[in-house]
C-alpha atoms as a PDB file:
ATOM      1  CA  LEU A   1       0.002   0.000   0.008  1.00  0.00           C
ATOM      2  CA  ALA A   2       2.839   2.399   0.781  1.00  0.00           C
ATOM      3  CA  ASP A   3       4.194   2.013  -2.704  1.00  0.00           C
ATOM      4  CA  ALA A   4       0.824   2.302  -4.505  1.00  0.00           C
ATOM      5  CA  PRO A   5       0.595   5.199  -7.004  1.00  0.00           C
ATOM      6  CA  THR A   6      -1.446   7.871  -5.212  1.00  0.00           C
ATOM      7  CA  ARG A   7      -3.491  10.837  -6.437  1.00  0.00           C
ATOM      8  CA  VAL A   8      -4.790  13.710  -4.327  1.00  0.00           C
ATOM      9  CA  SER A   9      -7.889  15.746  -5.144  1.00  0.00           C
ATOM     10  CA  GLN A  10      -7.600  19.443  -6.033  1.00  0.00           C
ATOM     11  CA  SER A  11      -9.047  20.346  -2.620  1.00  0.00           C
ATOM     12  CA  GLY A  12      -6.552  18.064  -0.827  1.00  0.00           C
ATOM     13  CA  ARG A  13      -9.507  16.508   1.040  1.00  0.00           C
ATOM     14  CA  ALA A  14      -9.420  13.120  -0.701  1.00  0.00           C
ATOM     15  CA  ARG A  15      -6.791  10.684  -2.029  1.00  0.00           C
ATOM     16  CA  VAL A  16      -6.921   7.425  -3.934  1.00  0.00           C
ATOM     17  CA  ARG A  17      -4.213   4.719  -3.831  1.00  0.00           C
ATOM     18  CA  PHE A  18      -4.250   2.619  -6.971  1.00  0.00           C
ATOM     19  CA  LEU A  19      -3.940  -1.073  -6.199  1.00  0.00           C
ATOM     20  CA  ALA A  20      -4.947  -2.384  -9.676  1.00  0.00           C
ATOM     21  CA  ASN A  21      -5.777  -0.418 -12.827  1.00  0.00           C
ATOM     22  CA  THR A  22      -4.492  -0.100 -16.378  1.00  0.00           C
ATOM     23  CA  ASP A  23      -1.254   1.459 -15.095  1.00  0.00           C
ATOM     24  CA  VAL A  24      -0.719  -1.352 -12.522  1.00  0.00           C
ATOM     25  CA  GLY A  25      -1.465  -4.360 -14.711  1.00  0.00           C
ATOM     26  CA  ALA A  26      -5.248  -4.678 -14.586  1.00  0.00           C
ATOM     27  CA  LYS A  27      -7.209  -4.410 -17.869  1.00  0.00           C
ATOM     28  CA  ASN A  28     -10.809  -5.087 -16.860  1.00  0.00           C
ATOM     29  CA  ALA A  29     -11.300  -3.473 -13.414  1.00  0.00           C
ATOM     30  CA  PHE A  30     -10.004  -0.840 -11.045  1.00  0.00           C
ATOM     31  CA  LEU A  31      -9.199  -1.436  -7.372  1.00  0.00           C
ATOM     32  CA  ALA A  32      -8.130   1.274  -4.952  1.00  0.00           C
ATOM     33  CA  ILE A  33      -8.131   2.565  -1.437  1.00  0.00           C
ATOM     34  CA  LEU A  34     -10.156   5.746  -1.238  1.00  0.00           C
ATOM     35  CA  GLU A  35      -9.539   8.102   1.668  1.00  0.00           C
ATOM     36  CA  MET A  36     -11.555  11.214   2.457  1.00  0.00           C
ATOM     37  CA  ASN A  37     -11.226  13.820   5.166  1.00  0.00           C
ATOM     38  CA  ALA A  38     -14.034  14.277   7.679  1.00  0.00           C
ATOM     39  CA  SER A  39     -16.964  16.203   6.202  1.00  0.00           C
ATOM     40  CA  ALA A  40     -15.638  15.887   2.619  1.00  0.00           C
ATOM     41  CA  GLU A  41     -18.149  15.444  -0.158  1.00  0.00           C
ATOM     42  CA  VAL A  42     -18.440  13.953  -3.602  1.00  0.00           C
ATOM     43  CA  PRO A  43     -20.689  16.001  -5.888  1.00  0.00           C
ATOM     44  CA  GLU A  44     -23.356  14.350  -8.073  1.00  0.00           C
ATOM     45  CA  HIS A  45     -21.876  12.355 -10.895  1.00  0.00           C
ATOM     46  CA  ARG A  46     -22.339   9.272 -13.037  1.00  0.00           C
ATOM     47  CA  ASP A  47     -19.809   6.578 -13.800  1.00  0.00           C
ATOM     48  CA  ALA A  48     -19.995   4.382 -16.924  1.00  0.00           C
ATOM     49  CA  THR A  49     -19.467   1.107 -15.029  1.00  0.00           C
ATOM     50  CA  GLU A  50     -20.660  -0.454 -11.795  1.00  0.00           C
ATOM     51  CA  GLU A  51     -18.902   0.798  -8.649  1.00  0.00           C
ATOM     52  CA  TYR A  52     -18.501  -0.965  -5.322  1.00  0.00           C
ATOM     53  CA  LEU A  53     -17.321   0.475  -2.001  1.00  0.00           C
ATOM     54  CA  TYR A  54     -16.458  -1.410   1.179  1.00  0.00           C
ATOM     55  CA  LEU A  55     -16.055   1.055   4.081  1.00  0.00           C
ATOM     56  CA  LEU A  56     -13.141   0.298   6.363  1.00  0.00           C
ATOM     57  CA  GLU A  57     -13.423   3.453   8.495  1.00  0.00           C
ATOM     58  CA  GLY A  58     -15.824   6.399   8.719  1.00  0.00           C
ATOM     59  CA  GLY A  59     -19.138   6.814   7.039  1.00  0.00           C
ATOM     60  CA  GLY A  60     -21.708   9.343   5.851  1.00  0.00           C
ATOM     61  CA  GLU A  61     -24.699   9.681   3.584  1.00  0.00           C
ATOM     62  CA  ILE A  62     -24.720   8.363   0.082  1.00  0.00           C
ATOM     63  CA  THR A  63     -27.465   9.175  -2.506  1.00  0.00           C
ATOM     64  CA  ILE A  64     -27.917   6.809  -5.436  1.00  0.00           C
ATOM     65  CA  ASP A  65     -30.565   7.703  -8.034  1.00  0.00           C
ATOM     66  CA  GLY A  66     -32.438   9.861  -5.465  1.00  0.00           C
ATOM     67  CA  LYS A  67     -32.371   7.311  -2.600  1.00  0.00           C
ATOM     68  CA  THR A  68     -30.283   8.343   0.445  1.00  0.00           C
ATOM     69  CA  ALA A  69     -28.767   5.928   2.960  1.00  0.00           C
ATOM     70  CA  THR A  70     -26.451   6.269   5.905  1.00  0.00           C
ATOM     71  CA  ILE A  71     -23.399   4.111   5.594  1.00  0.00           C
ATOM     72  CA  LYS A  72     -20.646   3.199   8.054  1.00  0.00           C
ATOM     73  CA  ALA A  73     -17.542   1.069   8.461  1.00  0.00           C
ATOM     74  CA  GLY A  74     -18.355  -2.516   7.603  1.00  0.00           C
ATOM     75  CA  ASP A  75     -20.947  -1.620   4.985  1.00  0.00           C
ATOM     76  CA  ALA A  76     -20.678  -2.518   1.271  1.00  0.00           C
ATOM     77  CA  VAL A  77     -22.286  -0.295  -1.343  1.00  0.00           C
ATOM     78  CA  PHE A  78     -23.177  -1.131  -4.936  1.00  0.00           C
ATOM     79  CA  MET A  79     -23.726   1.620  -7.452  1.00  0.00           C
ATOM     80  CA  PRO A  80     -25.156   0.549 -10.848  1.00  0.00           C
ATOM     81  CA  ALA A  81     -23.578   1.802 -14.067  1.00  0.00           C
ATOM     82  CA  ASN A  82     -24.710   5.331 -14.944  1.00  0.00           C
ATOM     83  CA  ALA A  83     -26.426   5.842 -11.542  1.00  0.00           C
ATOM     84  CA  LEU A  84     -26.564   9.449 -10.261  1.00  0.00           C
ATOM     85  CA  VAL A  85     -24.431   9.323  -7.096  1.00  0.00           C
ATOM     86  CA  SER A  86     -23.347  11.827  -4.420  1.00  0.00           C
ATOM     87  CA  PHE A  87     -21.767  11.429  -1.002  1.00  0.00           C
ATOM     88  CA  GLN A  88     -21.349  13.498   2.177  1.00  0.00           C
ATOM     89  CA  ALA A  89     -18.808  12.162   4.714  1.00  0.00           C
ATOM     90  CA  ASP A  90     -19.654  12.384   8.404  1.00  0.00           C
ATOM     91  CA  ASP A  91     -17.386  14.014  10.962  1.00  0.00           C
ATOM     92  CA  THR A  92     -14.727  11.239  10.856  1.00  0.00           C
ATOM     93  CA  PRO A  93     -12.164  10.409   8.185  1.00  0.00           C
ATOM     94  CA  LEU A  94     -13.266   7.761   5.676  1.00  0.00           C
ATOM     95  CA  MET A  95     -11.300   4.873   4.225  1.00  0.00           C
ATOM     96  CA  ALA A  96     -12.865   2.458   1.698  1.00  0.00           C
ATOM     97  CA  VAL A  97     -11.967  -0.164  -0.782  1.00  0.00           C
ATOM     98  CA  GLN A  98     -13.170   1.061  -4.173  1.00  0.00           C
ATOM     99  CA  VAL A  99     -13.803  -1.128  -7.225  1.00  0.00           C
ATOM    100  CA  PHE A 100     -14.948  -0.128 -10.685  1.00  0.00           C
ATOM    101  CA  ALA A 101     -16.088  -2.976 -12.960  1.00  0.00           C
ATOM    102  CA  GLY A 102     -13.904  -1.478 -15.722  1.00  0.00           C
ATOM    103  CA  PRO A 103     -11.076   1.006 -15.505  1.00  0.00           C
ATOM    104  CA  GLU A 104     -12.712   3.849 -17.448  1.00  0.00           C
ATOM    105  CA  PRO A 105     -14.309   5.755 -14.508  1.00  0.00           C
ATOM    106  CA  ALA A 106     -10.914   5.908 -12.795  1.00  0.00           C
ATOM    107  CA  ARG A 107      -9.810   8.369 -15.493  1.00  0.00           C
ATOM    108  CA  LYS A 108     -11.460  11.093 -13.345  1.00  0.00           C
ATOM    109  CA  TYR A 109      -8.416  10.735 -11.072  1.00  0.00           C
ATOM    110  CA  ASP A 110      -6.097  11.745 -13.905  1.00  0.00           C
ATOM    111  CA  SER A 111      -6.693  15.408 -13.020  1.00  0.00           C
ATOM    112  CA  TRP A 112      -5.723  14.808  -9.376  1.00  0.00           C
ATOM    113  CA  ARG A 113      -2.082  15.520  -8.458  1.00  0.00           C
ATOM    114  CA  SER A 114       0.385  12.753  -7.804  1.00  0.00           C
ATOM    115  CA  GLU A 115       1.613  12.255  -4.328  1.00  0.00           C
END
């Protein structure tokens, strides 16, 4: 994990550590550790493939296609391809395993700075 390529969001409030993607040998999926500061948010967006999160630490409220749920460490979340998704972290830092069922959505991290 310490050697994983890492990107940091423009705000500095989130980082993603690439475990498997097209740059690390995977061709059909994306696997990463996603970390977010307390109270960080992910604005509404859509990804072209399914996405899965497994929360290791922290939590918050996720909205998927207009349905909001509170999630916490130990929860797994499935987001269908092209779902409208947003997230608001609670007052603790978040760490999650993130999987895209195809590497294309991870291209959004290309604009994040390398760490």
